[in-house]
């Protein structure tokens, strides 16, 4: 069991040092000979749990560790997203929230109120209708066909406002639009006089883990320039958070590994 314990100590040590550690630094920290640490890290590198930088020759946690973390509870996503959500909240002055799929429902699991608090459908822990809320539709749009079809079978298509999508075929076409453009807009469709924009957050496996949304009173986003500003801010913030969650890293590390062995 000793090699397992030592390997776990390598991983926890690297987790405590975000900038990585050199071979001697890691050996000193663990109280082990550099040759022993080298053998341990070689196995961990082969399995994807550790990577070694090309120039600095420093060891860092690899994609396999991040994949394990990414598959845990939404608390991880919330903690990663909090600083970016706060900046987006300050920059726009609008309400910012995160939604995720929980079984058959899209649920708000983090929210920061804007300078104009709204009495509306989105509250912490509230369910969001799959056919009407921008954040819910973003999540639905990125499911596999079988799962999406099963959820669509459950949609009641309640008409919340005159602009609400109430037809399954229309919703399916709208989901295609979301995938094509990378975000969704809810324009007075879920609650009267409320406008929202949402974009997906992807994890290291490329899967959509959550949707980031900004919601505002419709009168405050009456002009196209303001709407474009909020849309751009949400899409940029979602891309930033996806990077923080490791999106694209597996492919990048795989390419780097292939180049190193070529």
C-alpha atoms as a PDB file:
ATOM      1  CA  UNK A   1       0.000   0.000   0.000  1.00  0.00           C
ATOM      2  CA  UNK A   2       2.974   2.291   0.456  1.00  0.00           C
ATOM      3  CA  UNK A   3       3.223   3.317  -3.242  1.00  0.00           C
ATOM      4  CA  UNK A   4      -0.479   4.213  -3.235  1.00  0.00           C
ATOM      5  CA  UNK A   5      -0.094   6.349  -0.120  1.00  0.00           C
ATOM      6  CA  UNK A   6       2.948   8.071  -1.597  1.00  0.00           C
ATOM      7  CA  UNK A   7       1.145   8.724  -4.894  1.00  0.00           C
ATOM      8  CA  UNK A   8      -1.756  10.271  -3.015  1.00  0.00           C
ATOM      9  CA  UNK A   9       0.675  12.458  -1.075  1.00  0.00           C
ATOM     10  CA  UNK A  10       2.152  13.646  -4.383  1.00  0.00           C
ATOM     11  CA  UNK A  11      -1.305  14.662  -5.585  1.00  0.00           C
ATOM     12  CA  UNK A  12      -2.278  16.436  -2.362  1.00  0.00           C
ATOM     13  CA  UNK A  13       1.051  18.286  -2.298  1.00  0.00           C
ATOM     14  CA  UNK A  14       0.549  19.504  -5.858  1.00  0.00           C
ATOM     15  CA  UNK A  15      -3.019  20.501  -4.998  1.00  0.00           C
ATOM     16  CA  UNK A  16      -1.627  22.735  -2.248  1.00  0.00           C
ATOM     17  CA  UNK A  17       0.794  24.419  -4.674  1.00  0.00           C
ATOM     18  CA  UNK A  18      -1.151  25.745  -7.640  1.00  0.00           C
ATOM     19  CA  UNK A  19       2.005  26.968  -9.379  1.00  0.00           C
ATOM     20  CA  UNK A  20       3.474  23.476  -9.389  1.00  0.00           C
ATOM     21  CA  UNK A  21       6.590  22.034  -7.798  1.00  0.00           C
ATOM     22  CA  UNK A  22      10.002  21.045  -9.111  1.00  0.00           C
ATOM     23  CA  UNK A  23      11.370  17.560  -8.527  1.00  0.00           C
ATOM     24  CA  UNK A  24      13.635  18.574  -5.650  1.00  0.00           C
ATOM     25  CA  UNK A  25      10.941  20.751  -4.082  1.00  0.00           C
ATOM     26  CA  UNK A  26       8.477  17.887  -4.176  1.00  0.00           C
ATOM     27  CA  UNK A  27      11.057  15.447  -2.811  1.00  0.00           C
ATOM     28  CA  UNK A  28      11.889  17.801   0.073  1.00  0.00           C
ATOM     29  CA  UNK A  29       8.215  18.333   0.844  1.00  0.00           C
ATOM     30  CA  UNK A  30       7.513  14.595   0.920  1.00  0.00           C
ATOM     31  CA  UNK A  31      10.735  13.649   2.653  1.00  0.00           C
ATOM     32  CA  UNK A  32      11.588  11.167  -0.095  1.00  0.00           C
ATOM     33  CA  UNK A  33      14.609  10.687  -2.383  1.00  0.00           C
ATOM     34  CA  UNK A  34      14.243  12.487  -5.750  1.00  0.00           C
ATOM     35  CA  UNK A  35      14.607   9.143  -7.551  1.00  0.00           C
ATOM     36  CA  UNK A  36      11.557   7.766  -5.698  1.00  0.00           C
ATOM     37  CA  UNK A  37       9.513  10.875  -6.454  1.00  0.00           C
ATOM     38  CA  UNK A  38      10.566  10.675 -10.095  1.00  0.00           C
ATOM     39  CA  UNK A  39       9.250   7.114 -10.380  1.00  0.00           C
ATOM     40  CA  UNK A  40       5.981   8.024  -8.670  1.00  0.00           C
ATOM     41  CA  UNK A  41       5.376  11.043 -10.883  1.00  0.00           C
ATOM     42  CA  UNK A  42       6.263   9.057 -14.020  1.00  0.00           C
ATOM     43  CA  UNK A  43       3.378   6.675 -13.325  1.00  0.00           C
ATOM     44  CA  UNK A  44       1.021   9.541 -12.491  1.00  0.00           C
ATOM     45  CA  UNK A  45       1.999  11.328 -15.704  1.00  0.00           C
ATOM     46  CA  UNK A  46       1.324   8.188 -17.749  1.00  0.00           C
ATOM     47  CA  UNK A  47      -2.162   7.972 -16.206  1.00  0.00           C
ATOM     48  CA  UNK A  48      -2.911  11.670 -16.735  1.00  0.00           C
ATOM     49  CA  UNK A  49      -3.033  12.654 -13.067  1.00  0.00           C
ATOM     50  CA  UNK A  50       0.104  14.791 -13.299  1.00  0.00           C
ATOM     51  CA  UNK A  51       1.690  16.858 -16.075  1.00  0.00           C
ATOM     52  CA  UNK A  52       5.173  18.342 -16.276  1.00  0.00           C
ATOM     53  CA  UNK A  53       5.747  21.740 -17.826  1.00  0.00           C
ATOM     54  CA  UNK A  54       8.111  21.851 -20.770  1.00  0.00           C
ATOM     55  CA  UNK A  55      10.332  24.769 -19.719  1.00  0.00           C
ATOM     56  CA  UNK A  56      10.045  25.014 -15.958  1.00  0.00           C
ATOM     57  CA  UNK A  57      10.099  21.256 -15.451  1.00  0.00           C
ATOM     58  CA  UNK A  58       7.519  21.687 -12.738  1.00  0.00           C
ATOM     59  CA  UNK A  59       4.919  19.087 -11.844  1.00  0.00           C
ATOM     60  CA  UNK A  60       1.252  20.097 -11.801  1.00  0.00           C
ATOM     61  CA  UNK A  61      -2.079  18.324 -11.474  1.00  0.00           C
ATOM     62  CA  UNK A  62      -3.280  16.868 -14.766  1.00  0.00           C
ATOM     63  CA  UNK A  63      -6.554  16.425 -16.588  1.00  0.00           C
ATOM     64  CA  UNK A  64      -7.512  13.187 -14.840  1.00  0.00           C
ATOM     65  CA  UNK A  65      -7.639  14.923 -11.450  1.00  0.00           C
ATOM     66  CA  UNK A  66      -9.686  17.786 -12.836  1.00  0.00           C
ATOM     67  CA  UNK A  67     -12.063  15.330 -14.465  1.00  0.00           C
ATOM     68  CA  UNK A  68     -12.691  13.692 -11.100  1.00  0.00           C
ATOM     69  CA  UNK A  69     -13.368  17.059  -9.488  1.00  0.00           C
ATOM     70  CA  UNK A  70     -15.557  18.201 -12.359  1.00  0.00           C
ATOM     71  CA  UNK A  71     -17.859  15.240 -11.885  1.00  0.00           C
ATOM     72  CA  UNK A  72     -18.684  16.109  -8.273  1.00  0.00           C
ATOM     73  CA  UNK A  73     -21.409  18.374  -6.921  1.00  0.00           C
ATOM     74  CA  UNK A  74     -22.417  21.787  -8.209  1.00  0.00           C
ATOM     75  CA  UNK A  75     -20.647  23.334  -5.203  1.00  0.00           C
ATOM     76  CA  UNK A  76     -17.390  23.055  -7.148  1.00  0.00           C
ATOM     77  CA  UNK A  77     -18.836  24.938 -10.131  1.00  0.00           C
ATOM     78  CA  UNK A  78     -20.324  27.554  -7.812  1.00  0.00           C
ATOM     79  CA  UNK A  79     -17.015  28.218  -6.095  1.00  0.00           C
ATOM     80  CA  UNK A  80     -15.127  28.449  -9.380  1.00  0.00           C
ATOM     81  CA  UNK A  81     -17.766  30.759 -10.852  1.00  0.00           C
ATOM     82  CA  UNK A  82     -18.201  33.115  -7.916  1.00  0.00           C
ATOM     83  CA  UNK A  83     -15.450  35.679  -8.754  1.00  0.00           C
ATOM     84  CA  UNK A  84     -16.500  35.894 -12.415  1.00  0.00           C
ATOM     85  CA  UNK A  85     -20.166  36.147 -11.454  1.00  0.00           C
ATOM     86  CA  UNK A  86     -19.338  38.979  -9.063  1.00  0.00           C
ATOM     87  CA  UNK A  87     -17.448  40.894 -11.768  1.00  0.00           C
ATOM     88  CA  UNK A  88     -20.299  40.373 -14.227  1.00  0.00           C
ATOM     89  CA  UNK A  89     -22.790  41.486 -11.573  1.00  0.00           C
ATOM     90  CA  UNK A  90     -20.830  44.688 -10.873  1.00  0.00           C
ATOM     91  CA  UNK A  91     -20.160  45.459 -14.532  1.00  0.00           C
ATOM     92  CA  UNK A  92     -23.765  45.061 -15.677  1.00  0.00           C
ATOM     93  CA  UNK A  93     -25.694  45.979 -12.552  1.00  0.00           C
ATOM     94  CA  UNK A  94     -28.051  43.124 -13.403  1.00  0.00           C
ATOM     95  CA  UNK A  95     -28.969  39.847 -11.699  1.00  0.00           C
ATOM     96  CA  UNK A  96     -26.558  36.992 -12.508  1.00  0.00           C
ATOM     97  CA  UNK A  97     -27.291  33.330 -11.850  1.00  0.00           C
ATOM     98  CA  UNK A  98     -26.249  29.756 -12.600  1.00  0.00           C
ATOM     99  CA  UNK A  99     -28.602  26.925 -13.510  1.00  0.00           C
ATOM    100  CA  UNK A 100     -28.066  23.190 -13.834  1.00  0.00           C
ATOM    101  CA  UNK A 101     -30.149  20.177 -14.721  1.00  0.00           C
ATOM    102  CA  UNK A 102     -31.323  18.161 -11.726  1.00  0.00           C
ATOM    103  CA  UNK A 103     -33.260  15.172 -12.972  1.00  0.00           C
ATOM    104  CA  UNK A 104     -36.034  16.539 -15.177  1.00  0.00           C
ATOM    105  CA  UNK A 105     -35.704  20.156 -14.039  1.00  0.00           C
ATOM    106  CA  UNK A 106     -33.410  23.113 -14.573  1.00  0.00           C
ATOM    107  CA  UNK A 107     -32.625  24.601 -11.169  1.00  0.00           C
ATOM    108  CA  UNK A 108     -30.987  27.882 -10.120  1.00  0.00           C
ATOM    109  CA  UNK A 109     -28.117  26.965  -7.768  1.00  0.00           C
ATOM    110  CA  UNK A 110     -26.300  30.310  -7.444  1.00  0.00           C
ATOM    111  CA  UNK A 111     -27.521  33.892  -7.802  1.00  0.00           C
ATOM    112  CA  UNK A 112     -26.305  37.460  -7.282  1.00  0.00           C
ATOM    113  CA  UNK A 113     -29.002  40.119  -7.314  1.00  0.00           C
ATOM    114  CA  UNK A 114     -28.602  43.221  -9.456  1.00  0.00           C
ATOM    115  CA  UNK A 115     -28.948  46.838  -8.420  1.00  0.00           C
ATOM    116  CA  UNK A 116     -32.608  46.590  -9.417  1.00  0.00           C
ATOM    117  CA  UNK A 117     -33.831  43.505  -7.529  1.00  0.00           C
ATOM    118  CA  UNK A 118     -36.634  41.803  -9.421  1.00  0.00           C
ATOM    119  CA  UNK A 119     -39.576  39.921  -8.019  1.00  0.00           C
ATOM    120  CA  UNK A 120     -39.526  37.256 -10.679  1.00  0.00           C
ATOM    121  CA  UNK A 121     -39.363  33.552 -11.343  1.00  0.00           C
ATOM    122  CA  UNK A 122     -35.637  33.048 -10.723  1.00  0.00           C
ATOM    123  CA  UNK A 123     -34.675  32.573  -7.091  1.00  0.00           C
ATOM    124  CA  UNK A 124     -32.117  30.340  -5.435  1.00  0.00           C
ATOM    125  CA  UNK A 125     -33.375  26.774  -5.738  1.00  0.00           C
ATOM    126  CA  UNK A 126     -36.232  27.614  -8.069  1.00  0.00           C
ATOM    127  CA  UNK A 127     -37.074  25.475 -11.103  1.00  0.00           C
ATOM    128  CA  UNK A 128     -36.919  27.038 -14.554  1.00  0.00           C
ATOM    129  CA  UNK A 129     -39.231  25.889 -17.367  1.00  0.00           C
ATOM    130  CA  UNK A 130     -37.331  24.015 -20.061  1.00  0.00           C
ATOM    131  CA  UNK A 131     -39.294  25.590 -22.900  1.00  0.00           C
ATOM    132  CA  UNK A 132     -39.277  29.209 -21.739  1.00  0.00           C
ATOM    133  CA  UNK A 133     -36.160  30.120 -19.715  1.00  0.00           C
ATOM    134  CA  UNK A 134     -32.963  30.938 -21.627  1.00  0.00           C
ATOM    135  CA  UNK A 135     -30.749  29.150 -19.115  1.00  0.00           C
ATOM    136  CA  UNK A 136     -32.918  26.011 -19.175  1.00  0.00           C
ATOM    137  CA  UNK A 137     -32.978  25.948 -22.971  1.00  0.00           C
ATOM    138  CA  UNK A 138     -29.188  26.250 -23.095  1.00  0.00           C
ATOM    139  CA  UNK A 139     -28.931  23.153 -20.913  1.00  0.00           C
ATOM    140  CA  UNK A 140     -31.542  21.299 -22.947  1.00  0.00           C
ATOM    141  CA  UNK A 141     -29.890  22.218 -26.247  1.00  0.00           C
ATOM    142  CA  UNK A 142     -26.648  20.476 -25.325  1.00  0.00           C
ATOM    143  CA  UNK A 143     -28.052  17.141 -24.186  1.00  0.00           C
ATOM    144  CA  UNK A 144     -27.774  14.036 -26.330  1.00  0.00           C
ATOM    145  CA  UNK A 145     -30.800  13.388 -28.536  1.00  0.00           C
ATOM    146  CA  UNK A 146     -32.233  10.534 -26.461  1.00  0.00           C
ATOM    147  CA  UNK A 147     -32.044  12.421 -23.161  1.00  0.00           C
ATOM    148  CA  UNK A 148     -33.374  15.627 -24.710  1.00  0.00           C
ATOM    149  CA  UNK A 149     -36.299  13.793 -26.300  1.00  0.00           C
ATOM    150  CA  UNK A 150     -37.194  12.190 -22.961  1.00  0.00           C
ATOM    151  CA  UNK A 151     -37.215  15.587 -21.256  1.00  0.00           C
ATOM    152  CA  UNK A 152     -39.257  17.127 -24.048  1.00  0.00           C
ATOM    153  CA  UNK A 153     -41.850  14.442 -23.451  1.00  0.00           C
ATOM    154  CA  UNK A 154     -42.267  15.884 -19.946  1.00  0.00           C
ATOM    155  CA  UNK A 155     -42.620  19.541 -20.990  1.00  0.00           C
ATOM    156  CA  UNK A 156     -46.137  20.926 -20.451  1.00  0.00           C
ATOM    157  CA  UNK A 157     -45.548  24.001 -22.689  1.00  0.00           C
ATOM    158  CA  UNK A 158     -47.334  26.380 -20.352  1.00  0.00           C
ATOM    159  CA  UNK A 159     -47.874  29.741 -22.045  1.00  0.00           C
ATOM    160  CA  UNK A 160     -46.395  32.173 -19.566  1.00  0.00           C
ATOM    161  CA  UNK A 161     -46.647  35.192 -21.870  1.00  0.00           C
ATOM    162  CA  UNK A 162     -47.879  35.763 -25.443  1.00  0.00           C
ATOM    163  CA  UNK A 163     -44.271  35.218 -26.622  1.00  0.00           C
ATOM    164  CA  UNK A 164     -43.728  31.825 -24.942  1.00  0.00           C
ATOM    165  CA  UNK A 165     -42.824  28.904 -27.206  1.00  0.00           C
ATOM    166  CA  UNK A 166     -45.711  26.429 -26.917  1.00  0.00           C
ATOM    167  CA  UNK A 167     -44.950  24.027 -29.759  1.00  0.00           C
ATOM    168  CA  UNK A 168     -42.456  21.165 -29.522  1.00  0.00           C
ATOM    169  CA  UNK A 169     -41.275  21.470 -33.117  1.00  0.00           C
ATOM    170  CA  UNK A 170     -40.678  25.186 -32.688  1.00  0.00           C
ATOM    171  CA  UNK A 171     -38.704  24.517 -29.528  1.00  0.00           C
ATOM    172  CA  UNK A 172     -36.548  21.902 -31.295  1.00  0.00           C
ATOM    173  CA  UNK A 173     -35.752  24.444 -34.020  1.00  0.00           C
ATOM    174  CA  UNK A 174     -34.914  26.995 -31.351  1.00  0.00           C
ATOM    175  CA  UNK A 175     -32.530  24.542 -29.653  1.00  0.00           C
ATOM    176  CA  UNK A 176     -30.685  24.167 -32.966  1.00  0.00           C
ATOM    177  CA  UNK A 177     -30.323  27.951 -33.083  1.00  0.00           C
ATOM    178  CA  UNK A 178     -28.856  27.940 -29.567  1.00  0.00           C
ATOM    179  CA  UNK A 179     -26.249  25.356 -30.550  1.00  0.00           C
ATOM    180  CA  UNK A 180     -25.347  27.332 -33.678  1.00  0.00           C
ATOM    181  CA  UNK A 181     -24.896  30.713 -32.023  1.00  0.00           C
ATOM    182  CA  UNK A 182     -23.669  29.544 -28.598  1.00  0.00           C
ATOM    183  CA  UNK A 183     -26.158  31.407 -26.389  1.00  0.00           C
ATOM    184  CA  UNK A 184     -29.883  31.980 -25.891  1.00  0.00           C
ATOM    185  CA  UNK A 185     -32.156  34.963 -25.365  1.00  0.00           C
ATOM    186  CA  UNK A 186     -35.405  34.984 -23.401  1.00  0.00           C
ATOM    187  CA  UNK A 187     -37.277  38.081 -24.570  1.00  0.00           C
ATOM    188  CA  UNK A 188     -40.424  38.532 -22.496  1.00  0.00           C
ATOM    189  CA  UNK A 189     -41.159  34.799 -22.813  1.00  0.00           C
ATOM    190  CA  UNK A 190     -41.119  33.551 -19.232  1.00  0.00           C
ATOM    191  CA  UNK A 191     -42.291  36.564 -17.284  1.00  0.00           C
ATOM    192  CA  UNK A 192     -43.759  39.807 -18.518  1.00  0.00           C
ATOM    193  CA  UNK A 193     -41.256  42.629 -18.918  1.00  0.00           C
ATOM    194  CA  UNK A 194     -38.206  40.431 -18.215  1.00  0.00           C
ATOM    195  CA  UNK A 195     -35.274  39.831 -20.576  1.00  0.00           C
ATOM    196  CA  UNK A 196     -32.406  37.333 -20.154  1.00  0.00           C
ATOM    197  CA  UNK A 197     -29.358  35.987 -21.960  1.00  0.00           C
ATOM    198  CA  UNK A 198     -27.606  32.704 -21.113  1.00  0.00           C
ATOM    199  CA  UNK A 199     -24.549  30.758 -22.280  1.00  0.00           C
ATOM    200  CA  UNK A 200     -23.172  27.286 -21.454  1.00  0.00           C
ATOM    201  CA  UNK A 201     -20.342  26.378 -19.079  1.00  0.00           C
ATOM    202  CA  UNK A 202     -18.308  23.379 -20.226  1.00  0.00           C
ATOM    203  CA  UNK A 203     -16.063  21.157 -18.124  1.00  0.00           C
ATOM    204  CA  UNK A 204     -12.838  19.342 -18.955  1.00  0.00           C
ATOM    205  CA  UNK A 205     -14.757  16.581 -20.707  1.00  0.00           C
ATOM    206  CA  UNK A 206     -16.428  19.146 -22.975  1.00  0.00           C
ATOM    207  CA  UNK A 207     -19.814  18.542 -21.358  1.00  0.00           C
ATOM    208  CA  UNK A 208     -22.131  21.428 -20.503  1.00  0.00           C
ATOM    209  CA  UNK A 209     -22.253  21.500 -16.708  1.00  0.00           C
ATOM    210  CA  UNK A 210     -24.310  24.643 -16.164  1.00  0.00           C
ATOM    211  CA  UNK A 211     -25.696  27.770 -17.785  1.00  0.00           C
ATOM    212  CA  UNK A 212     -24.648  31.296 -16.858  1.00  0.00           C
ATOM    213  CA  UNK A 213     -27.368  33.911 -17.247  1.00  0.00           C
ATOM    214  CA  UNK A 214     -27.984  37.619 -16.814  1.00  0.00           C
ATOM    215  CA  UNK A 215     -31.580  38.726 -16.337  1.00  0.00           C
ATOM    216  CA  UNK A 216     -32.868  42.288 -16.451  1.00  0.00           C
ATOM    217  CA  UNK A 217     -36.099  44.313 -16.503  1.00  0.00           C
ATOM    218  CA  UNK A 218     -37.182  44.673 -20.117  1.00  0.00           C
ATOM    219  CA  UNK A 219     -37.372  48.503 -20.010  1.00  0.00           C
ATOM    220  CA  UNK A 220     -33.658  48.688 -19.121  1.00  0.00           C
ATOM    221  CA  UNK A 221     -32.631  46.730 -22.221  1.00  0.00           C
ATOM    222  CA  UNK A 222     -34.840  48.472 -24.722  1.00  0.00           C
ATOM    223  CA  UNK A 223     -32.064  49.451 -27.115  1.00  0.00           C
ATOM    224  CA  UNK A 224     -30.056  47.029 -29.259  1.00  0.00           C
ATOM    225  CA  UNK A 225     -26.721  48.350 -27.995  1.00  0.00           C
ATOM    226  CA  UNK A 226     -27.507  47.460 -24.373  1.00  0.00           C
ATOM    227  CA  UNK A 227     -28.692  43.988 -25.348  1.00  0.00           C
ATOM    228  CA  UNK A 228     -25.568  43.375 -27.424  1.00  0.00           C
ATOM    229  CA  UNK A 229     -23.434  44.539 -24.496  1.00  0.00           C
ATOM    230  CA  UNK A 230     -25.061  42.067 -22.093  1.00  0.00           C
ATOM    231  CA  UNK A 231     -24.938  39.257 -24.626  1.00  0.00           C
ATOM    232  CA  UNK A 232     -21.220  39.797 -25.218  1.00  0.00           C
ATOM    233  CA  UNK A 233     -20.520  40.014 -21.473  1.00  0.00           C
ATOM    234  CA  UNK A 234     -22.304  36.731 -20.723  1.00  0.00           C
ATOM    235  CA  UNK A 235     -20.723  34.824 -23.608  1.00  0.00           C
ATOM    236  CA  UNK A 236     -17.250  36.076 -22.614  1.00  0.00           C
ATOM    237  CA  UNK A 237     -17.793  35.253 -18.938  1.00  0.00           C
ATOM    238  CA  UNK A 238     -19.081  31.780 -19.813  1.00  0.00           C
ATOM    239  CA  UNK A 239     -16.012  31.142 -21.973  1.00  0.00           C
ATOM    240  CA  UNK A 240     -13.766  32.304 -19.131  1.00  0.00           C
ATOM    241  CA  UNK A 241     -15.495  30.007 -16.657  1.00  0.00           C
ATOM    242  CA  UNK A 242     -15.356  27.082 -19.066  1.00  0.00           C
ATOM    243  CA  UNK A 243     -11.592  27.547 -19.221  1.00  0.00           C
ATOM    244  CA  UNK A 244     -11.475  27.609 -15.417  1.00  0.00           C
ATOM    245  CA  UNK A 245     -13.419  24.336 -15.391  1.00  0.00           C
ATOM    246  CA  UNK A 246     -10.836  22.817 -17.735  1.00  0.00           C
ATOM    247  CA  UNK A 247     -12.688  22.976 -21.068  1.00  0.00           C
ATOM    248  CA  UNK A 248     -10.313  22.227 -23.924  1.00  0.00           C
ATOM    249  CA  UNK A 249      -7.535  21.144 -21.591  1.00  0.00           C
ATOM    250  CA  UNK A 250      -7.746  17.431 -22.328  1.00  0.00           C
ATOM    251  CA  UNK A 251      -7.305  18.080 -26.039  1.00  0.00           C
ATOM    252  CA  UNK A 252      -4.482  20.534 -25.414  1.00  0.00           C
ATOM    253  CA  UNK A 253      -2.644  18.139 -23.114  1.00  0.00           C
ATOM    254  CA  UNK A 254      -3.190  15.307 -25.565  1.00  0.00           C
ATOM    255  CA  UNK A 255      -1.722  17.391 -28.370  1.00  0.00           C
ATOM    256  CA  UNK A 256       1.234  18.388 -26.209  1.00  0.00           C
ATOM    257  CA  UNK A 257       1.857  14.767 -25.251  1.00  0.00           C
ATOM    258  CA  UNK A 258       1.691  13.684 -28.890  1.00  0.00           C
ATOM    259  CA  UNK A 259       4.097  16.434 -29.895  1.00  0.00           C
ATOM    260  CA  UNK A 260       6.525  15.461 -27.156  1.00  0.00           C
ATOM    261  CA  UNK A 261       6.634  11.850 -28.285  1.00  0.00           C
ATOM    262  CA  UNK A 262       6.693  12.594 -32.034  1.00  0.00           C
END
